Amino acid sequence: MKHKTLAIAVIVAIVALVWVGLRLHAGSNFTPPQFIHGTKLQLVGNHGPLQIYIDLTSTNKIPDYAVFQGNECVVLRENAESNTIETTHFENGYHVMLTRRDNHGKVLRRIMSYDDDSGQMKYTYIDNHGDGLWDVFLDHTKTMYYVRSNLTWVLRYKNTNQPQSSIGHSTN
């Protein structure tokens, strides 16, 4: 879990840096950069407001790519460790969903995150097994960690330094 969390953090950091870099280039006459700094992604085309970047040096079956709308990343797809592929979807500059698949397309793991309007993470749902059932629920607003037991959320960790309030999940 530690390595997976680190990998997610690295992906988010890279996209944030790319986003900041594109923001610096933004202006009334926005011209997308030809390359994404720090990656092998190269601009290959535009379609309406979208810019498509692809790693043209890749020997993978499907190369890494990113789709931007203006200066915001919409989709980032990367080949990851152990023949896995990670696809991250973004909204308003924040990651919303990360899906890890094996090289045959089977979902191995999925993470959904919900942020408030200021970009602070509120809730995260994690499907650790790719079976379509959420296994973990994180309430970042109350620092609470739940795991699924059958079809009920069971509290596993709670920061006792914060005020207690009910969020509609079972704590049995």
N, C-alpha and C. Protein backbone atom coordinates (compact mmCIF):
# COMPACT_ATOMS: atom_id res chain seq x y z
N MET A 1 0.84 -1.19 0.00
CA MET A 1 0.00 0.00 0.00
C MET A 1 0.87 1.24 0.00
N LYS A 2 2.03 1.18 0.70
CA LYS A 2 2.93 2.31 0.80
C LYS A 2 3.46 2.72 -0.58
N HIS A 3 3.85 1.72 -1.40
CA HIS A 3 4.37 2.02 -2.73
C HIS A 3 3.28 2.54 -3.65
N LYS A 4 2.06 2.01 -3.50
CA LYS A 4 0.95 2.47 -4.33
C LYS A 4 0.61 3.92 -4.00
N THR A 5 0.60 4.25 -2.72
CA THR A 5 0.31 5.62 -2.30
C THR A 5 1.39 6.56 -2.81
N LEU A 6 2.66 6.12 -2.75
CA LEU A 6 3.76 6.93 -3.26
C LEU A 6 3.63 7.15 -4.76
N ALA A 7 3.26 6.10 -5.49
CA ALA A 7 3.09 6.22 -6.93
C ALA A 7 1.99 7.22 -7.28
N ILE A 8 0.89 7.17 -6.54
CA ILE A 8 -0.21 8.12 -6.77
C ILE A 8 0.26 9.53 -6.47
N ALA A 9 0.99 9.71 -5.39
CA ALA A 9 1.50 11.04 -5.03
C ALA A 9 2.43 11.57 -6.10
N VAL A 10 3.27 10.72 -6.67
CA VAL A 10 4.20 11.15 -7.72
C VAL A 10 3.42 11.58 -8.96
N ILE A 11 2.41 10.80 -9.34
CA ILE A 11 1.60 11.15 -10.51
C ILE A 11 0.92 12.49 -10.30
N VAL A 12 0.31 12.67 -9.14
CA VAL A 12 -0.37 13.93 -8.84
C VAL A 12 0.62 15.09 -8.86
N ALA A 13 1.82 14.89 -8.32
CA ALA A 13 2.83 15.95 -8.30
C ALA A 13 3.26 16.31 -9.72
N ILE A 14 3.46 15.32 -10.58
CA ILE A 14 3.86 15.58 -11.96
C ILE A 14 2.79 16.39 -12.68
N VAL A 15 1.55 15.95 -12.53
CA VAL A 15 0.46 16.67 -13.20
C VAL A 15 0.33 18.08 -12.65
N ALA A 16 0.50 18.25 -11.35
CA ALA A 16 0.43 19.59 -10.76
C ALA A 16 1.53 20.47 -11.33
N LEU A 17 2.74 19.94 -11.46
CA LEU A 17 3.83 20.72 -12.04
C LEU A 17 3.55 21.08 -13.49
N VAL A 18 3.02 20.12 -14.25
CA VAL A 18 2.66 20.39 -15.64
C VAL A 18 1.59 21.47 -15.68
N TRP A 19 0.60 21.36 -14.81
CA TRP A 19 -0.49 22.32 -14.77
C TRP A 19 0.04 23.71 -14.46
N VAL A 20 0.93 23.82 -13.45
CA VAL A 20 1.52 25.10 -13.10
C VAL A 20 2.33 25.65 -14.27
N GLY A 21 3.09 24.76 -14.91
CA GLY A 21 3.89 25.19 -16.06
C GLY A 21 3.02 25.73 -17.18
N LEU A 22 1.90 25.07 -17.44
CA LEU A 22 1.00 25.55 -18.49
C LEU A 22 0.30 26.84 -18.07
N ARG A 23 0.00 26.98 -16.78
CA ARG A 23 -0.59 28.23 -16.28
C ARG A 23 0.34 29.41 -16.54
N LEU A 24 1.65 29.18 -16.37
CA LEU A 24 2.62 30.23 -16.59
C LEU A 24 2.65 30.66 -18.06
N HIS A 25 2.34 29.72 -18.95
CA HIS A 25 2.31 30.02 -20.37
C HIS A 25 0.98 30.62 -20.82
N ALA A 26 -0.03 30.53 -19.95
CA ALA A 26 -1.36 30.97 -20.33
C ALA A 26 -1.41 32.48 -20.48
N GLY A 27 -2.22 32.91 -21.37
CA GLY A 27 -2.41 34.33 -21.60
C GLY A 27 -3.54 34.50 -22.59
N SER A 28 -3.71 35.71 -23.07
CA SER A 28 -4.79 35.94 -24.02
C SER A 28 -4.51 35.21 -25.33
N ASN A 29 -3.25 35.04 -25.68
CA ASN A 29 -2.88 34.32 -26.89
C ASN A 29 -2.19 33.02 -26.50
N PHE A 30 -2.91 32.14 -25.82
CA PHE A 30 -2.34 30.89 -25.32
C PHE A 30 -1.85 30.02 -26.47
N THR A 31 -0.58 29.67 -26.42
CA THR A 31 0.00 28.73 -27.36
C THR A 31 0.52 27.56 -26.54
N PRO A 32 -0.02 26.37 -26.77
CA PRO A 32 0.42 25.23 -25.96
C PRO A 32 1.89 24.91 -26.25
N PRO A 33 2.62 24.50 -25.21
CA PRO A 33 4.02 24.13 -25.42
C PRO A 33 4.12 22.88 -26.28
N GLN A 34 5.22 22.72 -26.99
CA GLN A 34 5.43 21.55 -27.84
C GLN A 34 5.75 20.30 -27.02
N PHE A 35 6.34 20.48 -25.84
CA PHE A 35 6.70 19.36 -24.98
C PHE A 35 6.24 19.69 -23.55
N ILE A 36 5.93 18.65 -22.78
CA ILE A 36 5.63 18.81 -21.37
C ILE A 36 6.95 18.63 -20.63
N HIS A 37 7.43 19.68 -20.00
CA HIS A 37 8.71 19.67 -19.31
C HIS A 37 8.78 18.54 -18.29
N GLY A 38 9.90 17.82 -18.28
CA GLY A 38 10.11 16.73 -17.33
C GLY A 38 9.50 15.41 -17.76
N THR A 39 8.92 15.36 -18.95
CA THR A 39 8.34 14.12 -19.48
C THR A 39 8.81 13.94 -20.91
N LYS A 40 8.40 12.87 -21.53
CA LYS A 40 8.69 12.64 -22.95
C LYS A 40 7.46 12.93 -23.80
N LEU A 41 6.48 13.60 -23.20
CA LEU A 41 5.24 13.89 -23.91
C LEU A 41 5.42 15.07 -24.87
N GLN A 42 4.99 14.85 -26.10
CA GLN A 42 5.14 15.85 -27.16
C GLN A 42 3.77 16.15 -27.75
N LEU A 43 3.52 17.43 -28.03
CA LEU A 43 2.25 17.84 -28.64
C LEU A 43 2.15 17.23 -30.03
N VAL A 44 1.07 16.47 -30.26
CA VAL A 44 0.87 15.85 -31.57
C VAL A 44 -0.34 16.39 -32.29
N GLY A 45 -1.20 17.12 -31.57
CA GLY A 45 -2.35 17.67 -32.25
C GLY A 45 -3.28 18.42 -31.34
N ASN A 46 -4.16 19.17 -31.99
CA ASN A 46 -5.20 19.93 -31.30
C ASN A 46 -6.53 19.53 -31.90
N HIS A 47 -7.55 19.52 -31.08
CA HIS A 47 -8.90 19.30 -31.57
C HIS A 47 -9.79 20.22 -30.76
N GLY A 48 -10.24 21.30 -31.37
CA GLY A 48 -11.01 22.29 -30.64
C GLY A 48 -10.17 22.82 -29.49
N PRO A 49 -10.71 22.79 -28.27
CA PRO A 49 -9.96 23.30 -27.12
C PRO A 49 -8.95 22.28 -26.55
N LEU A 50 -8.89 21.08 -27.12
CA LEU A 50 -8.04 20.03 -26.56
C LEU A 50 -6.66 19.98 -27.22
N GLN A 51 -5.64 19.71 -26.40
CA GLN A 51 -4.29 19.47 -26.89
C GLN A 51 -3.94 18.03 -26.51
N ILE A 52 -3.39 17.28 -27.45
CA ILE A 52 -3.06 15.88 -27.23
C ILE A 52 -1.55 15.74 -27.26
N TYR A 53 -1.01 15.18 -26.16
CA TYR A 53 0.42 14.93 -26.01
C TYR A 53 0.66 13.43 -25.94
N ILE A 54 1.68 12.94 -26.66
CA ILE A 54 1.99 11.51 -26.67
C ILE A 54 3.50 11.33 -26.56
N ASP A 55 3.92 10.27 -25.89
CA ASP A 55 5.33 9.88 -25.84
C ASP A 55 5.64 9.14 -27.13
N LEU A 56 6.22 9.84 -28.09
CA LEU A 56 6.51 9.25 -29.40
C LEU A 56 7.71 8.31 -29.38
N THR A 57 8.47 8.30 -28.28
CA THR A 57 9.63 7.42 -28.18
C THR A 57 9.28 6.08 -27.55
N SER A 58 8.04 5.93 -27.09
CA SER A 58 7.63 4.72 -26.36
C SER A 58 7.60 3.50 -27.28
N THR A 59 7.99 2.37 -26.72
CA THR A 59 7.88 1.09 -27.42
C THR A 59 6.73 0.27 -26.85
N ASN A 60 5.96 0.85 -25.93
CA ASN A 60 4.81 0.16 -25.35
C ASN A 60 3.70 0.03 -26.38
N LYS A 61 2.85 -0.97 -26.17
CA LYS A 61 1.71 -1.20 -27.05
C LYS A 61 0.88 0.07 -27.20
N ILE A 62 0.57 0.71 -26.09
CA ILE A 62 -0.10 2.01 -26.09
C ILE A 62 0.82 2.96 -25.34
N PRO A 63 1.33 4.00 -25.99
CA PRO A 63 2.27 4.91 -25.32
C PRO A 63 1.59 5.80 -24.29
N ASP A 64 2.40 6.39 -23.40
CA ASP A 64 1.88 7.37 -22.45
C ASP A 64 1.26 8.52 -23.23
N TYR A 65 0.19 9.09 -22.69
CA TYR A 65 -0.40 10.27 -23.32
C TYR A 65 -1.11 11.13 -22.29
N ALA A 66 -1.36 12.37 -22.67
CA ALA A 66 -2.11 13.30 -21.84
C ALA A 66 -2.98 14.14 -22.75
N VAL A 67 -4.16 14.48 -22.26
CA VAL A 67 -5.06 15.37 -22.98
C VAL A 67 -5.30 16.57 -22.08
N PHE A 68 -5.06 17.74 -22.63
CA PHE A 68 -5.27 18.99 -21.91
C PHE A 68 -6.39 19.76 -22.58
N GLN A 69 -7.13 20.52 -21.78
CA GLN A 69 -8.09 21.48 -22.30
C GLN A 69 -7.57 22.83 -21.85
N GLY A 70 -6.98 23.55 -22.80
CA GLY A 70 -6.30 24.80 -22.45
C GLY A 70 -5.11 24.46 -21.59
N ASN A 71 -5.12 24.95 -20.36
CA ASN A 71 -3.98 24.70 -19.48
C ASN A 71 -4.31 23.71 -18.36
N GLU A 72 -5.41 22.96 -18.49
CA GLU A 72 -5.77 21.98 -17.47
C GLU A 72 -5.74 20.56 -18.04
N CYS A 73 -5.08 19.66 -17.32
CA CYS A 73 -5.04 18.27 -17.72
C CYS A 73 -6.43 17.66 -17.51
N VAL A 74 -6.89 16.89 -18.49
CA VAL A 74 -8.18 16.22 -18.41
C VAL A 74 -7.96 14.72 -18.17
N VAL A 75 -7.02 14.12 -18.91
CA VAL A 75 -6.71 12.70 -18.79
C VAL A 75 -5.20 12.51 -18.91
N LEU A 76 -4.65 11.67 -18.05
CA LEU A 76 -3.24 11.29 -18.12
C LEU A 76 -3.19 9.78 -18.06
N ARG A 77 -2.53 9.17 -19.04
CA ARG A 77 -2.40 7.72 -19.09
C ARG A 77 -0.93 7.36 -19.15
N GLU A 78 -0.48 6.53 -18.18
CA GLU A 78 0.94 6.19 -18.09
C GLU A 78 1.13 4.70 -17.91
N ASN A 79 2.18 4.19 -18.53
CA ASN A 79 2.60 2.82 -18.27
C ASN A 79 3.32 2.84 -16.94
N ALA A 80 2.92 1.97 -16.04
CA ALA A 80 3.49 1.95 -14.68
C ALA A 80 4.30 0.67 -14.50
N GLU A 81 4.65 0.41 -13.24
CA GLU A 81 5.47 -0.76 -12.94
C GLU A 81 4.72 -2.07 -13.21
N SER A 82 5.47 -3.12 -13.42
CA SER A 82 4.93 -4.49 -13.55
C SER A 82 3.86 -4.61 -14.63
N ASN A 83 4.09 -4.01 -15.78
CA ASN A 83 3.15 -4.12 -16.90
C ASN A 83 1.75 -3.65 -16.56
N THR A 84 1.65 -2.61 -15.75
CA THR A 84 0.35 -2.04 -15.44
C THR A 84 0.23 -0.67 -16.11
N ILE A 85 -1.00 -0.25 -16.29
CA ILE A 85 -1.31 1.02 -16.93
C ILE A 85 -2.16 1.82 -15.97
N GLU A 86 -1.80 3.08 -15.74
CA GLU A 86 -2.58 3.94 -14.86
C GLU A 86 -3.19 5.08 -15.67
N THR A 87 -4.48 5.27 -15.48
CA THR A 87 -5.20 6.36 -16.13
C THR A 87 -5.78 7.24 -15.04
N THR A 88 -5.48 8.54 -15.13
CA THR A 88 -5.98 9.50 -14.14
C THR A 88 -6.87 10.51 -14.85
N HIS A 89 -8.05 10.73 -14.30
CA HIS A 89 -8.99 11.72 -14.82
C HIS A 89 -8.98 12.92 -13.88
N PHE A 90 -9.07 14.10 -14.45
CA PHE A 90 -9.01 15.35 -13.68
C PHE A 90 -10.24 16.21 -13.96
N GLU A 91 -10.59 17.02 -12.98
CA GLU A 91 -11.60 18.05 -13.14
C GLU A 91 -11.10 19.30 -12.44
N ASN A 92 -11.14 20.40 -13.13
CA ASN A 92 -10.71 21.70 -12.58
C ASN A 92 -9.30 21.65 -12.01
N GLY A 93 -8.43 20.86 -12.61
CA GLY A 93 -7.05 20.79 -12.17
C GLY A 93 -6.78 19.80 -11.05
N TYR A 94 -7.80 19.10 -10.56
CA TYR A 94 -7.63 18.15 -9.46
C TYR A 94 -7.93 16.73 -9.93
N HIS A 95 -7.16 15.76 -9.43
CA HIS A 95 -7.43 14.38 -9.83
C HIS A 95 -8.72 13.90 -9.17
N VAL A 96 -9.53 13.20 -9.96
CA VAL A 96 -10.82 12.71 -9.49
C VAL A 96 -10.82 11.18 -9.44
N MET A 97 -10.25 10.55 -10.46
CA MET A 97 -10.25 9.10 -10.50
C MET A 97 -8.94 8.58 -11.06
N LEU A 98 -8.40 7.57 -10.40
CA LEU A 98 -7.21 6.88 -10.88
C LEU A 98 -7.57 5.40 -11.01
N THR A 99 -7.28 4.83 -12.18
CA THR A 99 -7.55 3.42 -12.42
C THR A 99 -6.26 2.74 -12.84
N ARG A 100 -5.93 1.62 -12.18
CA ARG A 100 -4.77 0.82 -12.56
C ARG A 100 -5.30 -0.47 -13.19
N ARG A 101 -4.78 -0.79 -14.38
CA ARG A 101 -5.18 -2.00 -15.11
C ARG A 101 -3.94 -2.84 -15.41
N ASP A 102 -4.16 -4.15 -15.61
CA ASP A 102 -3.05 -4.98 -16.06
C ASP A 102 -2.91 -4.80 -17.57
N ASN A 103 -1.94 -5.47 -18.18
CA ASN A 103 -1.70 -5.27 -19.61
C ASN A 103 -2.78 -5.91 -20.49
N HIS A 104 -3.76 -6.58 -19.88
CA HIS A 104 -4.90 -7.13 -20.62
C HIS A 104 -6.15 -6.28 -20.45
N GLY A 105 -6.04 -5.19 -19.69
CA GLY A 105 -7.16 -4.28 -19.50
C GLY A 105 -8.00 -4.54 -18.26
N LYS A 106 -7.69 -5.58 -17.49
CA LYS A 106 -8.46 -5.88 -16.27
C LYS A 106 -8.16 -4.83 -15.20
N VAL A 107 -9.22 -4.31 -14.58
CA VAL A 107 -9.05 -3.32 -13.51
C VAL A 107 -8.45 -4.00 -12.29
N LEU A 108 -7.33 -3.46 -11.80
CA LEU A 108 -6.67 -3.97 -10.61
C LEU A 108 -7.01 -3.13 -9.38
N ARG A 109 -7.18 -1.83 -9.58
CA ARG A 109 -7.42 -0.91 -8.47
C ARG A 109 -8.04 0.37 -9.02
N ARG A 110 -8.94 0.97 -8.22
CA ARG A 110 -9.54 2.24 -8.62
C ARG A 110 -9.67 3.11 -7.40
N ILE A 111 -9.38 4.39 -7.57
CA ILE A 111 -9.46 5.37 -6.49
C ILE A 111 -10.27 6.56 -6.99
N MET A 112 -11.30 6.94 -6.22
CA MET A 112 -12.10 8.13 -6.52
C MET A 112 -11.92 9.12 -5.39
N SER A 113 -11.65 10.37 -5.75
CA SER A 113 -11.46 11.42 -4.75
C SER A 113 -12.41 12.56 -5.03
N TYR A 114 -12.87 13.16 -3.96
CA TYR A 114 -13.77 14.31 -4.05
C TYR A 114 -13.16 15.45 -3.27
N ASP A 115 -13.05 16.60 -3.93
CA ASP A 115 -12.46 17.80 -3.33
C ASP A 115 -13.54 18.86 -3.15
N ASP A 116 -13.27 19.81 -2.25
CA ASP A 116 -14.16 20.95 -2.14
C ASP A 116 -13.74 21.99 -3.18
N ASP A 117 -14.42 23.12 -3.20
CA ASP A 117 -14.16 24.14 -4.22
C ASP A 117 -12.75 24.73 -4.14
N SER A 118 -12.11 24.64 -2.98
CA SER A 118 -10.76 25.19 -2.85
C SER A 118 -9.69 24.14 -3.14
N GLY A 119 -10.10 22.93 -3.51
CA GLY A 119 -9.14 21.89 -3.86
C GLY A 119 -8.72 21.02 -2.69
N GLN A 120 -9.29 21.24 -1.51
CA GLN A 120 -8.97 20.39 -0.36
C GLN A 120 -9.70 19.06 -0.51
N MET A 121 -8.96 17.96 -0.35
CA MET A 121 -9.56 16.65 -0.48
C MET A 121 -10.54 16.41 0.66
N LYS A 122 -11.77 15.97 0.29
CA LYS A 122 -12.80 15.70 1.29
C LYS A 122 -12.94 14.20 1.53
N TYR A 123 -13.18 13.44 0.47
CA TYR A 123 -13.46 12.02 0.61
C TYR A 123 -12.70 11.23 -0.46
N THR A 124 -12.33 10.01 -0.12
CA THR A 124 -11.69 9.11 -1.06
C THR A 124 -12.29 7.72 -0.89
N TYR A 125 -12.62 7.10 -2.02
CA TYR A 125 -13.08 5.72 -2.04
C TYR A 125 -12.03 4.90 -2.79
N ILE A 126 -11.71 3.70 -2.27
CA ILE A 126 -10.68 2.87 -2.88
C ILE A 126 -11.22 1.46 -3.08
N ASP A 127 -11.07 0.99 -4.32
CA ASP A 127 -11.37 -0.41 -4.65
C ASP A 127 -10.01 -1.08 -4.84
N ASN A 128 -9.55 -1.79 -3.82
CA ASN A 128 -8.21 -2.39 -3.84
C ASN A 128 -8.07 -3.60 -4.74
N HIS A 129 -9.19 -4.19 -5.16
CA HIS A 129 -9.12 -5.46 -5.88
C HIS A 129 -9.69 -5.40 -7.28
N GLY A 130 -10.20 -4.26 -7.69
CA GLY A 130 -10.77 -4.14 -9.03
C GLY A 130 -12.03 -4.94 -9.22
N ASP A 131 -12.74 -5.23 -8.12
CA ASP A 131 -13.95 -6.05 -8.22
C ASP A 131 -15.23 -5.21 -8.28
N GLY A 132 -15.08 -3.89 -8.30
CA GLY A 132 -16.24 -3.02 -8.39
C GLY A 132 -16.86 -2.64 -7.06
N LEU A 133 -16.31 -3.15 -5.96
CA LEU A 133 -16.80 -2.79 -4.63
C LEU A 133 -15.76 -1.94 -3.93
N TRP A 134 -16.19 -0.84 -3.34
CA TRP A 134 -15.27 0.01 -2.61
C TRP A 134 -14.83 -0.71 -1.34
N ASP A 135 -13.52 -0.78 -1.10
CA ASP A 135 -12.97 -1.47 0.07
C ASP A 135 -12.63 -0.52 1.19
N VAL A 136 -12.31 0.72 0.86
CA VAL A 136 -11.86 1.70 1.85
C VAL A 136 -12.58 3.02 1.59
N PHE A 137 -12.97 3.68 2.67
CA PHE A 137 -13.54 5.03 2.60
C PHE A 137 -12.73 5.91 3.54
N LEU A 138 -12.19 6.98 3.03
CA LEU A 138 -11.44 7.94 3.83
C LEU A 138 -12.21 9.24 3.90
N ASP A 139 -12.50 9.69 5.10
CA ASP A 139 -13.14 10.99 5.31
C ASP A 139 -12.03 11.93 5.77
N HIS A 140 -11.48 12.70 4.83
CA HIS A 140 -10.36 13.59 5.14
C HIS A 140 -10.78 14.76 6.02
N THR A 141 -12.08 15.10 6.00
CA THR A 141 -12.55 16.24 6.81
C THR A 141 -12.53 15.92 8.29
N LYS A 142 -12.66 14.64 8.64
CA LYS A 142 -12.69 14.23 10.05
C LYS A 142 -11.53 13.27 10.39
N THR A 143 -10.65 13.04 9.43
CA THR A 143 -9.55 12.10 9.59
C THR A 143 -10.06 10.75 10.11
N MET A 144 -10.99 10.18 9.32
CA MET A 144 -11.57 8.89 9.68
C MET A 144 -11.32 7.91 8.54
N TYR A 145 -11.03 6.66 8.89
CA TYR A 145 -10.68 5.61 7.95
C TYR A 145 -11.63 4.44 8.17
N TYR A 146 -12.38 4.08 7.12
CA TYR A 146 -13.32 2.97 7.21
C TYR A 146 -12.91 1.87 6.23
N VAL A 147 -13.22 0.63 6.58
CA VAL A 147 -13.07 -0.48 5.65
C VAL A 147 -14.44 -1.14 5.50
N ARG A 148 -14.62 -1.78 4.35
CA ARG A 148 -15.90 -2.42 4.09
C ARG A 148 -15.89 -3.81 4.71
N SER A 149 -16.96 -4.13 5.38
CA SER A 149 -17.18 -5.48 5.91
C SER A 149 -18.56 -5.88 5.41
N ASN A 150 -18.60 -6.84 4.48
CA ASN A 150 -19.82 -7.16 3.76
C ASN A 150 -20.28 -5.88 3.07
N LEU A 151 -21.41 -5.34 3.40
CA LEU A 151 -21.86 -4.10 2.76
C LEU A 151 -21.99 -2.97 3.78
N THR A 152 -21.17 -3.01 4.83
CA THR A 152 -21.20 -1.99 5.88
C THR A 152 -19.81 -1.40 6.06
N TRP A 153 -19.74 -0.09 6.29
CA TRP A 153 -18.46 0.56 6.59
C TRP A 153 -18.15 0.41 8.07
N VAL A 154 -16.95 -0.06 8.37
CA VAL A 154 -16.51 -0.26 9.74
C VAL A 154 -15.35 0.69 10.02
N LEU A 155 -15.49 1.49 11.07
CA LEU A 155 -14.46 2.46 11.42
C LEU A 155 -13.19 1.73 11.86
N ARG A 156 -12.04 2.08 11.25
CA ARG A 156 -10.76 1.49 11.62
C ARG A 156 -9.83 2.50 12.28
N TYR A 157 -10.01 3.79 11.96
CA TYR A 157 -9.17 4.82 12.58
C TYR A 157 -9.96 6.10 12.66
N LYS A 158 -9.77 6.80 13.76
CA LYS A 158 -10.42 8.10 13.93
C LYS A 158 -9.47 9.00 14.70
N ASN A 159 -9.27 10.20 14.19
CA ASN A 159 -8.47 11.18 14.90
C ASN A 159 -9.32 11.72 16.05
N THR A 160 -8.93 11.41 17.26
CA THR A 160 -9.72 11.81 18.43
C THR A 160 -9.52 13.26 18.81
N ASN A 161 -8.64 13.97 18.11
CA ASN A 161 -8.42 15.39 18.40
C ASN A 161 -9.44 16.28 17.70
N GLN A 162 -10.29 15.70 16.86
CA GLN A 162 -11.28 16.49 16.14
C GLN A 162 -12.66 16.23 16.71
N PRO A 163 -13.57 17.21 16.57
CA PRO A 163 -14.94 17.02 17.08
C PRO A 163 -15.63 15.85 16.40
N GLN A 164 -16.44 15.12 17.15
CA GLN A 164 -17.12 13.96 16.62
C GLN A 164 -18.44 14.38 16.01
N SER A 165 -18.75 13.81 14.85
CA SER A 165 -20.06 14.05 14.27
C SER A 165 -20.41 12.86 13.38
N SER A 166 -21.69 12.62 13.19
CA SER A 166 -22.13 11.49 12.40
C SER A 166 -22.08 11.85 10.92
N ILE A 167 -21.60 10.92 10.09
CA ILE A 167 -21.56 11.16 8.65
C ILE A 167 -22.39 10.13 7.91
N GLY A 168 -23.22 9.40 8.62
CA GLY A 168 -24.12 8.46 7.96
C GLY A 168 -23.49 7.12 7.62
N HIS A 169 -22.38 6.77 8.24
CA HIS A 169 -21.76 5.48 8.01
C HIS A 169 -21.75 4.68 9.30
N SER A 170 -21.91 3.38 9.18
CA SER A 170 -21.90 2.52 10.35
C SER A 170 -20.51 2.52 11.00
N THR A 171 -20.44 2.55 12.30
CA THR A 171 -19.17 2.48 13.01
C THR A 171 -19.10 1.25 13.88
N ASN A 172 -19.90 0.24 13.58
CA ASN A 172 -19.88 -1.01 14.36
C ASN A 172 -18.67 -1.84 14.02
